[in-house]
Protein backbone atom coordinates (compact mmCIF):
# COMPACT_ATOMS: atom_id res chain seq x y z
CA UNK A 1 0.00 0.00 0.00
CA UNK A 2 1.41 3.43 -0.90
CA UNK A 3 2.41 5.87 1.78
CA UNK A 4 -0.16 8.56 2.33
CA UNK A 5 -0.29 12.08 3.62
CA UNK A 6 -3.56 12.85 5.32
CA UNK A 7 -5.09 16.27 5.75
CA UNK A 8 -8.35 16.82 7.59
CA UNK A 9 -10.15 20.01 8.43
CA UNK A 10 -11.58 18.18 11.44
CA UNK A 11 -8.05 17.21 12.61
CA UNK A 12 -8.81 13.49 12.28
CA UNK A 13 -5.82 11.55 10.98
CA UNK A 14 -7.27 8.13 10.38
CA UNK A 15 -10.08 6.96 8.13
CA UNK A 16 -12.69 4.46 9.16
CA UNK A 17 -12.59 1.37 6.98
CA UNK A 18 -15.87 0.66 5.15
CA UNK A 19 -18.00 -1.95 6.86
CA UNK A 20 -18.06 -5.18 4.91
CA UNK A 21 -19.41 -8.61 5.57
CA UNK A 22 -17.54 -11.87 5.28
CA UNK A 23 -20.76 -13.56 4.17
CA UNK A 24 -21.67 -12.92 0.49
CA UNK A 25 -25.35 -13.52 1.24
CA UNK A 26 -25.27 -10.82 3.91
CA UNK A 27 -23.65 -8.45 1.42
CA UNK A 28 -26.40 -9.09 -1.12
CA UNK A 29 -29.09 -8.53 1.49
CA UNK A 30 -27.42 -5.28 2.54
CA UNK A 31 -27.26 -4.12 -1.08
CA UNK A 32 -30.95 -4.88 -1.61
CA UNK A 33 -31.85 -3.03 1.57
CA UNK A 34 -29.85 0.04 0.51
CA UNK A 35 -31.48 0.26 -2.90
CA UNK A 36 -35.12 -0.59 -2.26
CA UNK A 37 -35.89 2.84 -3.67
CA UNK A 38 -33.91 4.69 -6.35
CA UNK A 39 -34.24 8.01 -4.54
CA UNK A 40 -30.78 9.13 -3.47
CA UNK A 41 -30.08 9.91 0.18
CA UNK A 42 -26.55 11.27 0.91
CA UNK A 43 -26.70 9.65 4.36
CA UNK A 44 -26.43 6.23 2.72
CA UNK A 45 -23.52 7.09 0.40
CA UNK A 46 -20.84 5.52 2.68
CA UNK A 47 -22.79 2.25 2.55
CA UNK A 48 -23.37 2.32 -1.21
CA UNK A 49 -19.84 3.24 -2.32
CA UNK A 50 -18.26 -0.15 -1.45
CA UNK A 51 -20.75 -1.87 -3.78
CA UNK A 52 -20.23 0.74 -6.50
CA UNK A 53 -16.44 0.50 -6.46
CA UNK A 54 -16.50 -3.28 -6.35
CA UNK A 55 -19.11 -3.92 -9.03
CA UNK A 56 -19.50 -0.85 -11.24
CA UNK A 57 -16.41 1.36 -11.33
CA UNK A 58 -14.57 0.69 -14.66
CA UNK A 59 -11.17 -0.11 -13.14
CA UNK A 60 -9.61 -1.64 -16.25
CA UNK A 61 -10.41 1.10 -18.81
CA UNK A 62 -9.59 3.74 -16.17
CA UNK A 63 -6.12 2.22 -15.76
CA UNK A 64 -5.69 1.84 -19.53
CA UNK A 65 -6.46 5.55 -19.93
CA UNK A 66 -3.97 6.81 -17.35
CA UNK A 67 -1.26 4.34 -18.38
CA UNK A 68 -1.36 5.45 -22.05
CA UNK A 69 -0.37 1.97 -23.22
CA UNK A 70 2.76 2.42 -21.05
CA UNK A 71 4.17 4.50 -23.89
CA UNK A 72 6.39 6.55 -21.52
CA UNK A 73 8.41 5.70 -18.43
CA UNK A 74 6.63 6.31 -15.12
CA UNK A 75 3.45 7.50 -16.81
CA UNK A 76 1.15 5.64 -14.42
CA UNK A 77 3.28 4.96 -11.35
CA UNK A 78 4.33 8.61 -11.03
CA UNK A 79 0.80 9.97 -11.42
CA UNK A 80 -0.55 11.88 -8.43
CA UNK A 81 -4.05 10.86 -7.39
CA UNK A 82 -5.92 12.22 -4.39
CA UNK A 83 -8.84 10.80 -2.41
CA UNK A 84 -11.44 12.71 -0.45
CA UNK A 85 -12.89 10.38 2.15
CA UNK A 86 -15.88 10.58 4.46
CA UNK A 87 -15.94 13.68 6.71
CA UNK A 88 -13.74 15.60 4.23
CA UNK A 89 -10.55 13.69 4.97
CA UNK A 90 -8.29 14.71 2.10
CA UNK A 91 -5.36 12.51 1.05
CA UNK A 92 -2.86 13.78 -1.51
CA UNK A 93 0.25 12.34 -3.15
CA UNK A 94 -1.15 8.86 -3.71
CA UNK A 95 0.38 6.76 -6.46
CA UNK A 96 0.01 3.15 -7.54
CA UNK A 97 2.24 0.54 -9.11
CA UNK A 98 -0.47 -1.34 -11.00
CA UNK A 99 -4.14 -1.56 -11.83
CA UNK A 100 -4.55 -4.20 -9.12
CA UNK A 101 -3.08 -1.96 -6.43
CA UNK A 102 -5.23 0.98 -7.51
CA UNK A 103 -8.38 -1.18 -7.56
CA UNK A 104 -7.62 -2.64 -4.14
CA UNK A 105 -7.07 0.79 -2.60
CA UNK A 106 -10.21 2.15 -4.22
CA UNK A 107 -12.35 -0.71 -2.90
CA UNK A 108 -10.77 -0.46 0.55
CA UNK A 109 -11.00 3.28 1.11
CA UNK A 110 -14.13 3.99 -0.98
CA UNK A 111 -13.40 7.69 -1.58
CA UNK A 112 -16.21 10.19 -1.89
CA UNK A 113 -14.14 11.89 -4.58
CA UNK A 114 -11.12 11.03 -6.73
CA UNK A 115 -8.95 13.81 -8.15
CA UNK A 116 -6.31 13.33 -10.84
CA UNK A 117 -3.13 15.39 -10.84
CA UNK A 118 0.03 15.51 -12.91
CA UNK A 119 2.60 12.86 -13.71
CA UNK A 120 5.63 13.72 -11.58
CA UNK A 121 9.33 13.12 -12.12
CA UNK A 122 9.30 10.77 -9.12
CA UNK A 123 6.78 8.83 -7.02
CA UNK A 124 4.41 11.38 -5.43
CA UNK A 125 4.40 9.35 -2.23
CA UNK A 126 8.05 10.38 -1.79
CA UNK A 127 7.08 14.05 -1.41
CA UNK A 128 8.19 14.21 2.24
CA UNK A 129 11.65 13.03 1.30
CA UNK A 130 12.13 14.98 -1.93
CA UNK A 131 9.41 17.65 -2.01
CA UNK A 132 11.77 20.30 -3.38
CA UNK A 133 12.95 18.03 -6.17
CA UNK A 134 9.47 16.79 -7.14
CA UNK A 135 8.01 18.50 -10.21
CA UNK A 136 5.26 17.79 -12.76
CA UNK A 137 6.46 16.54 -16.14
CA UNK A 138 3.17 16.05 -17.96
CA UNK A 139 -0.55 16.42 -17.45
CA UNK A 140 -3.65 16.42 -19.66
CA UNK A 141 -4.74 19.86 -20.81
CA UNK A 142 -8.05 20.37 -19.01
CA UNK A 143 -11.00 22.76 -19.24
CA UNK A 144 -13.65 23.33 -16.60
CA UNK A 145 -16.99 25.00 -17.43
CA UNK A 146 -19.54 25.61 -14.68
CA UNK A 147 -23.22 26.43 -15.22
CA UNK A 148 -23.21 29.05 -12.46
CA UNK A 149 -21.01 31.23 -14.66
CA UNK A 150 -24.06 31.59 -16.93
CA UNK A 151 -26.41 32.75 -14.17
CA UNK A 152 -26.57 36.25 -15.64
CA UNK A 153 -28.03 34.91 -18.90
CA UNK A 154 -30.23 32.04 -17.71
CA UNK A 155 -33.68 32.47 -16.15
CA UNK A 156 -34.86 28.85 -15.99
CA UNK A 157 -32.53 27.95 -13.11
CA UNK A 158 -29.86 29.51 -10.90
CA UNK A 159 -26.98 28.54 -8.64
CA UNK A 160 -26.74 24.73 -8.30
CA UNK A 161 -29.89 23.89 -10.25
CA UNK A 162 -29.79 22.68 -13.85
CA UNK A 163 -32.42 21.62 -16.37
CA UNK A 164 -32.44 20.59 -20.01
CA UNK A 165 -33.03 24.18 -21.12
CA UNK A 166 -29.92 25.59 -19.49
CA UNK A 167 -27.93 22.46 -20.41
CA UNK A 168 -27.97 23.91 -23.94
CA UNK A 169 -25.36 26.43 -22.73
CA UNK A 170 -23.07 23.47 -21.97
CA UNK A 171 -23.86 21.76 -25.28
CA UNK A 172 -22.91 24.88 -27.26
CA UNK A 173 -19.75 25.35 -25.18
CA UNK A 174 -18.67 21.74 -25.75
CA UNK A 175 -19.32 22.03 -29.48
CA UNK A 176 -17.28 25.25 -29.80
CA UNK A 177 -14.37 24.07 -27.66
CA UNK A 178 -14.22 20.58 -29.19
CA UNK A 179 -14.13 22.06 -32.70
CA UNK A 180 -11.51 24.67 -31.75
CA UNK A 181 -8.97 22.27 -30.22
CA UNK A 182 -9.32 19.89 -33.17
CA UNK A 183 -9.15 22.45 -35.97
CA UNK A 184 -6.81 25.05 -34.46
CA UNK A 185 -4.41 22.75 -32.59
CA UNK A 186 -4.83 19.40 -34.35
CA UNK A 187 -5.67 17.49 -31.16
CA UNK A 188 -8.06 14.58 -31.43
CA UNK A 189 -8.09 12.58 -28.17
CA UNK A 190 -10.61 14.57 -26.19
CA UNK A 191 -12.66 13.24 -23.27
CA UNK A 192 -15.79 15.12 -22.16
CA UNK A 193 -17.24 14.38 -18.72
CA UNK A 194 -20.37 15.58 -16.91
CA UNK A 195 -19.26 16.89 -13.50
CA UNK A 196 -22.15 15.30 -11.60
CA UNK A 197 -24.22 18.41 -10.95
CA UNK A 198 -24.01 21.49 -13.18
CA UNK A 199 -20.80 21.55 -15.20
CA UNK A 200 -18.54 19.79 -17.67
CA UNK A 201 -14.85 18.88 -17.80
CA UNK A 202 -12.73 18.44 -20.89
CA UNK A 203 -9.55 16.32 -20.89
CA UNK A 204 -7.23 16.69 -23.92
CA UNK A 205 -4.97 13.66 -23.95
CA UNK A 206 -2.79 14.05 -27.05
CA UNK A 207 0.94 13.80 -26.39
CA UNK A 208 1.63 17.42 -27.40
CA UNK A 209 -1.15 18.73 -25.13
CA UNK A 210 0.00 16.63 -22.16
CA UNK A 211 3.56 17.93 -22.46
CA UNK A 212 2.72 21.64 -22.64
CA UNK A 213 4.50 23.68 -19.96
CA UNK A 214 2.73 26.33 -17.88
CA UNK A 215 3.44 29.04 -20.46
CA UNK A 216 2.02 26.89 -23.25
CA UNK A 217 -1.11 26.07 -21.26
CA UNK A 218 -1.64 29.73 -20.48
CA UNK A 219 -1.30 30.61 -24.17
CA UNK A 220 -3.97 28.06 -25.15
CA UNK A 221 -6.28 29.23 -22.37
CA UNK A 222 -5.94 32.90 -23.34
CA UNK A 223 -6.45 32.08 -27.02
CA UNK A 224 -9.78 30.39 -26.23
CA UNK A 225 -10.93 33.00 -23.70
CA UNK A 226 -12.64 35.93 -25.45
CA UNK A 227 -15.06 37.00 -22.71
CA UNK A 228 -14.14 39.86 -20.40
CA UNK A 229 -15.92 40.67 -17.15
CA UNK A 230 -16.80 44.33 -16.76
CA UNK A 231 -18.87 46.55 -14.48
CA UNK A 232 -22.28 47.41 -15.89
CA UNK A 233 -25.02 49.75 -14.70
CA UNK A 234 -25.81 49.75 -10.99
CA UNK A 235 -22.56 47.92 -10.27
CA UNK A 236 -23.70 44.70 -11.93
CA UNK A 237 -21.03 42.40 -13.35
CA UNK A 238 -21.47 41.83 -17.07
CA UNK A 239 -19.73 39.58 -19.61
CA UNK A 240 -18.58 41.41 -22.73
CA UNK A 241 -16.83 40.53 -25.98
CA UNK A 242 -14.91 42.96 -28.19
CA UNK A 243 -14.36 41.72 -31.74
CA UNK A 244 -12.22 44.60 -33.03
CA UNK A 245 -11.80 45.58 -36.67
CA UNK A 246 -11.95 42.02 -38.01
CA UNK A 247 -13.41 38.88 -36.52
CA UNK A 248 -10.69 36.26 -35.89
CA UNK A 249 -11.28 33.01 -37.79
CA UNK A 250 -11.76 31.01 -34.57
CA UNK A 251 -14.29 33.57 -33.27
CA UNK A 252 -16.09 33.53 -36.64
CA UNK A 253 -16.32 29.74 -36.49
CA UNK A 254 -17.72 29.95 -32.95
CA UNK A 255 -20.20 32.61 -34.06
CA UNK A 256 -21.45 30.29 -36.82
CA UNK A 257 -22.31 27.77 -34.09
CA UNK A 258 -23.81 30.38 -31.77
CA UNK A 259 -25.91 32.45 -34.18
CA UNK A 260 -28.53 29.77 -35.03
CA UNK A 261 -28.82 28.83 -31.33
CA UNK A 262 -29.19 32.35 -29.97
CA UNK A 263 -32.89 32.65 -30.77
CA UNK A 264 -33.70 29.21 -29.34
CA UNK A 265 -31.71 29.53 -26.12
CA UNK A 266 -31.62 33.22 -25.21
CA UNK A 267 -34.81 34.55 -26.78
CA UNK A 268 -37.15 31.55 -26.53
CA UNK A 269 -35.99 29.28 -23.68
CA UNK A 270 -34.66 32.00 -21.38
CA UNK A 271 -36.82 34.90 -22.68
CA UNK A 272 -33.99 36.99 -21.33
CA UNK A 273 -34.97 40.51 -22.44
CA UNK A 274 -38.73 40.44 -21.80
CA UNK A 275 -38.82 42.68 -18.71
CA UNK A 276 -37.43 46.14 -17.88
CA UNK A 277 -34.72 44.29 -15.94
CA UNK A 278 -34.06 42.21 -19.06
CA UNK A 279 -33.79 45.34 -21.21
CA UNK A 280 -31.29 46.73 -18.71
CA UNK A 281 -29.35 43.45 -18.96
CA UNK A 282 -29.32 43.69 -22.76
CA UNK A 283 -28.07 47.28 -22.69
CA UNK A 284 -25.38 46.39 -20.16
CA UNK A 285 -23.57 44.54 -22.94
CA UNK A 286 -22.90 47.98 -24.51
CA UNK A 287 -19.49 49.20 -23.39
CA UNK A 288 -20.09 52.92 -24.04
CA UNK A 289 -22.09 54.49 -21.19
CA UNK A 290 -23.80 57.22 -23.24
CA UNK A 291 -24.82 54.75 -25.95
CA UNK A 292 -26.03 52.32 -23.28
CA UNK A 293 -28.31 54.92 -21.67
CA UNK A 294 -29.69 56.11 -25.02
CA UNK A 295 -30.40 52.53 -26.16
CA UNK A 296 -32.11 51.58 -22.91
CA UNK A 297 -34.31 54.67 -23.07
CA UNK A 298 -35.22 53.94 -26.70
CA UNK A 299 -36.25 50.36 -25.94
CA UNK A 300 -38.27 51.31 -22.86
CA UNK A 301 -40.11 53.95 -24.90
CA UNK A 302 -40.66 51.93 -28.07
CA UNK A 303 -41.19 48.33 -26.97
CA UNK A 304 -44.46 47.34 -25.36
CA UNK A 305 -44.06 46.41 -21.70
CA UNK A 306 -43.95 42.62 -21.27
CA UNK A 307 -43.10 42.01 -24.93
CA UNK A 308 -41.30 38.71 -25.52
CA UNK A 309 -37.53 38.77 -25.78
CA UNK A 310 -37.46 38.24 -29.54
CA UNK A 311 -39.42 41.49 -30.08
CA UNK A 312 -37.03 43.41 -27.83
CA UNK A 313 -34.09 41.90 -29.71
CA UNK A 314 -35.58 42.84 -33.09
CA UNK A 315 -36.11 46.41 -31.89
CA UNK A 316 -32.54 46.55 -30.58
CA UNK A 317 -31.10 45.31 -33.89
CA UNK A 318 -33.11 47.88 -35.85
CA UNK A 319 -31.92 50.66 -33.55
CA UNK A 320 -28.27 49.52 -33.64
CA UNK A 321 -28.26 49.22 -37.43
CA UNK A 322 -29.87 52.64 -37.88
CA UNK A 323 -27.32 54.23 -35.55
CA UNK A 324 -24.45 52.63 -37.44
CA UNK A 325 -25.77 53.84 -40.80
CA UNK A 326 -26.80 57.35 -39.77
CA UNK A 327 -23.82 58.32 -37.64
CA UNK A 328 -20.71 57.41 -39.56
CA UNK A 329 -18.32 59.13 -37.16
CA UNK A 330 -19.98 58.07 -33.90
CA UNK A 331 -19.14 55.31 -31.45
CA UNK A 332 -21.70 53.13 -33.26
CA UNK A 333 -19.57 53.08 -36.39
CA UNK A 334 -16.37 52.36 -34.49
CA UNK A 335 -16.43 50.70 -31.07
CA UNK A 336 -19.99 49.36 -31.39
CA UNK A 337 -20.06 48.41 -35.06
CA UNK A 338 -20.13 44.67 -34.16
CA UNK A 339 -22.31 45.00 -31.05
CA UNK A 340 -25.03 42.61 -32.32
CA UNK A 341 -22.53 39.82 -32.88
CA UNK A 342 -20.67 40.67 -29.66
CA UNK A 343 -23.83 40.29 -27.57
CA UNK A 344 -24.57 36.88 -29.06
CA UNK A 345 -21.01 35.75 -28.37
CA UNK A 346 -21.12 37.15 -24.82
CA UNK A 347 -24.25 35.12 -24.08
CA UNK A 348 -23.20 31.76 -25.49
CA UNK A 349 -19.42 31.54 -25.94
CA UNK A 350 -17.75 29.09 -23.48
CA UNK A 351 -17.10 30.67 -20.08
CA UNK A 352 -13.89 28.96 -19.06
CA UNK A 353 -12.26 28.78 -15.66
CA UNK A 354 -8.90 29.49 -17.26
CA UNK A 355 -6.95 29.09 -14.01
CA UNK A 356 -7.81 25.39 -14.14
CA UNK A 357 -6.40 25.19 -17.67
CA UNK A 358 -3.28 27.21 -16.87
CA UNK A 359 -2.34 25.18 -13.80
CA UNK A 360 0.18 22.44 -14.64
CA UNK A 361 -0.40 20.71 -11.31
CA UNK A 362 -4.12 21.41 -10.88
CA UNK A 363 -6.10 18.40 -9.64
CA UNK A 364 -9.43 17.72 -11.36
CA UNK A 365 -12.24 15.34 -10.44
CA UNK A 366 -11.96 11.98 -12.16
CA UNK A 367 -14.57 10.46 -14.46
CA UNK A 368 -16.97 8.00 -12.77
CA UNK A 369 -16.83 9.70 -9.38
CA UNK A 370 -20.12 9.96 -7.52
CA UNK A 371 -21.13 13.53 -6.73
CA UNK A 372 -21.82 13.46 -2.97
CA UNK A 373 -24.65 16.01 -3.09
CA UNK A 374 -26.58 14.68 -6.08
CA UNK A 375 -25.45 11.05 -6.04
CA UNK A 376 -25.00 11.26 -9.81
CA UNK A 377 -22.18 9.59 -11.72
CA UNK A 378 -19.63 11.77 -13.52
CA UNK A 379 -20.25 10.09 -16.86
CA UNK A 380 -18.41 10.75 -20.13
CA UNK A 381 -20.37 11.94 -23.15
CA UNK A 382 -19.66 12.73 -26.79
CA UNK A 383 -19.38 16.42 -27.65
CA UNK A 384 -21.10 15.70 -30.97
CA UNK A 385 -24.14 14.42 -29.06
CA UNK A 386 -24.01 16.93 -26.18
CA UNK A 387 -27.35 18.46 -27.19
CA UNK A 388 -29.03 15.08 -26.63
CA UNK A 389 -27.41 14.58 -23.22
CA UNK A 390 -29.86 15.14 -20.35
CA UNK A 391 -28.23 15.98 -16.99
CA UNK A 392 -31.54 15.43 -15.17
CA UNK A 393 -31.63 11.73 -16.15
CA UNK A 394 -27.99 10.91 -15.32
CA UNK A 395 -28.24 7.91 -12.98
CA UNK A 396 -27.59 8.18 -9.25
CA UNK A 397 -25.67 5.55 -7.35
CA UNK A 398 -28.91 4.44 -5.66
CA UNK A 399 -30.54 3.97 -9.05
CA UNK A 400 -27.57 1.95 -10.36
CA UNK A 401 -27.58 -0.43 -7.41
CA UNK A 402 -31.32 -0.88 -7.74
CA UNK A 403 -30.89 -1.67 -11.45
CA UNK A 404 -28.31 -4.34 -10.62
CA UNK A 405 -30.66 -5.87 -8.07
CA UNK A 406 -33.57 -5.87 -10.50
CA UNK A 407 -31.47 -7.45 -13.26
CA UNK A 408 -29.99 -10.11 -10.99
CA UNK A 409 -33.39 -10.90 -9.52
CA UNK A 410 -34.89 -11.33 -12.96
CA UNK A 411 -32.05 -13.33 -14.46
CA UNK A 412 -30.80 -15.14 -11.34
CA UNK A 413 -27.24 -14.05 -12.05
CA UNK A 414 -26.26 -14.67 -8.45
CA UNK A 415 -26.50 -18.42 -9.12
CA UNK A 416 -24.19 -18.23 -12.13
CA UNK A 417 -21.01 -20.25 -11.61
CA UNK A 418 -19.22 -19.62 -14.90
CA UNK A 419 -17.42 -16.30 -14.41
CA UNK A 420 -16.63 -15.91 -18.12
CA UNK A 421 -20.27 -16.05 -19.12
CA UNK A 422 -21.38 -13.45 -16.57
CA UNK A 423 -22.56 -10.10 -17.84
CA UNK A 424 -20.48 -7.17 -16.62
CA UNK A 425 -22.39 -5.33 -13.94
CA UNK A 426 -22.27 -1.92 -15.62
CA UNK A 427 -24.07 -3.46 -18.62
CA UNK A 428 -27.04 -4.14 -16.35
CA UNK A 429 -27.47 -0.44 -15.63
CA UNK A 430 -28.11 2.95 -17.23
CA UNK A 431 -24.40 3.73 -16.73
CA UNK A 432 -23.73 1.50 -19.72
CA UNK A 433 -23.67 4.31 -22.33
CA UNK A 434 -21.14 6.36 -20.37
CA UNK A 435 -18.77 3.39 -20.04
CA UNK A 436 -19.10 2.62 -23.76
CA UNK A 437 -18.17 6.23 -24.62
CA UNK A 438 -15.17 5.96 -22.29
CA UNK A 439 -14.01 2.58 -23.63
CA UNK A 440 -14.25 3.81 -27.22
CA UNK A 441 -12.20 6.90 -26.31
CA UNK A 442 -9.53 4.71 -24.66
CA UNK A 443 -9.49 2.29 -27.60
CA UNK A 444 -8.83 5.10 -30.11
CA UNK A 445 -6.18 6.60 -27.83
CA UNK A 446 -4.34 3.27 -27.49
CA UNK A 447 -4.55 2.59 -31.23
CA UNK A 448 -2.98 5.96 -31.99
CA UNK A 449 -0.22 5.48 -29.41
CA UNK A 450 0.65 2.00 -30.69
CA UNK A 451 0.75 3.24 -34.28
CA UNK A 452 3.17 6.02 -33.30
CA UNK A 453 5.36 3.56 -31.38
CA UNK A 454 5.45 1.20 -34.35
CA UNK A 455 6.36 4.02 -36.72
CA UNK A 456 9.13 5.21 -34.38
CA UNK A 457 10.56 1.67 -34.12
CA UNK A 458 10.57 1.31 -37.90
CA UNK A 459 12.42 4.61 -38.29
CA UNK A 460 15.03 3.52 -35.73
CA UNK A 461 15.56 0.21 -37.54
CA UNK A 462 16.25 2.08 -40.79
CA UNK A 463 19.22 3.76 -39.11
């Protein structure tokens, strides 16, 4: 077992081992009792996690992902992994020699959360001996997008809540970001993961992306970050975009994704500009104070009170276009000449937590964790199908264990003696799609790595 450093806000230095039964029949009875109803109760999470990690967590593909077909020395054994246990006991600098050791530790400690850090130049567990000499050598390039960053432009939900309407913000963000990293940087091994409550994580696993230094990561993050936070009227924070004289090709490509979705998401689903407060919000996107006040006054005087957002937007576009045409030397023909496009971008362009992307040694929650508050699984999804993904139907751990029970009860799997003919437990549940997405991602990653290794060996033989 690896050495561990334990930190605990409650000053407790030891973790309680999960309760397990020596009798398999008792374990089955306990599982059935825990999952009589699919409704998730956080109080039962410590009792459900041992079953989840033993029967459902995809240990093998998870190891295959982080080992990268063992294409580089120390790529798995020098990887820092952290566990957050019950009562917020936080353990950093874990590392594992093999899949079997990782699986054993996972099933023994049953963490509430798993975080993945960088691959170090030495075993992370040696940090007490060589902390000064320990440094990250590679790490996936990651992006973190949280729904709460869209609270100023969503009306259907707020804070921690999420529904299928506001999920469209995440679907657009994933589409834009996925396209950008593929077309602008040539990366192709990209893993998208639902965070378990209201956000998404993106892991870029190409060799070049993993080996970027801090400066390189910062450059990528800044390139993809076009939104600026400014102070609007009444001290309100507002997201703004400034296109400049010419729209950059990457911004134009993003705009082509955003423009057809703006009416559906902002005007129809969110009905964002339908109230005086909404009109104020719309005008807050205007960076020039005099123009903002004049526009707000025009809309309040010329749009019927309570008019739907699309009518307010149409009136705004007419006003902005007339001002641009009739005042060739005004701010509308210079600073605000792209204001219509800038507002659409400000509403729907990905709102990145760029500090997560810039940090070489930033730890990020692993796929297939269980979110302690919601009980939902952090499942992977395809960016191309993000619009069809429904965060409200992502299975909870209670639901998964109930599905296993129902399947086993119906098919009498517990009496099966031939291990090879047994159906994998995740295939009995609604987690199946997420695991398939993950396995297909890992398969393509391994195929690419093996092809590169073969090509390199052939080149060496020629010399």
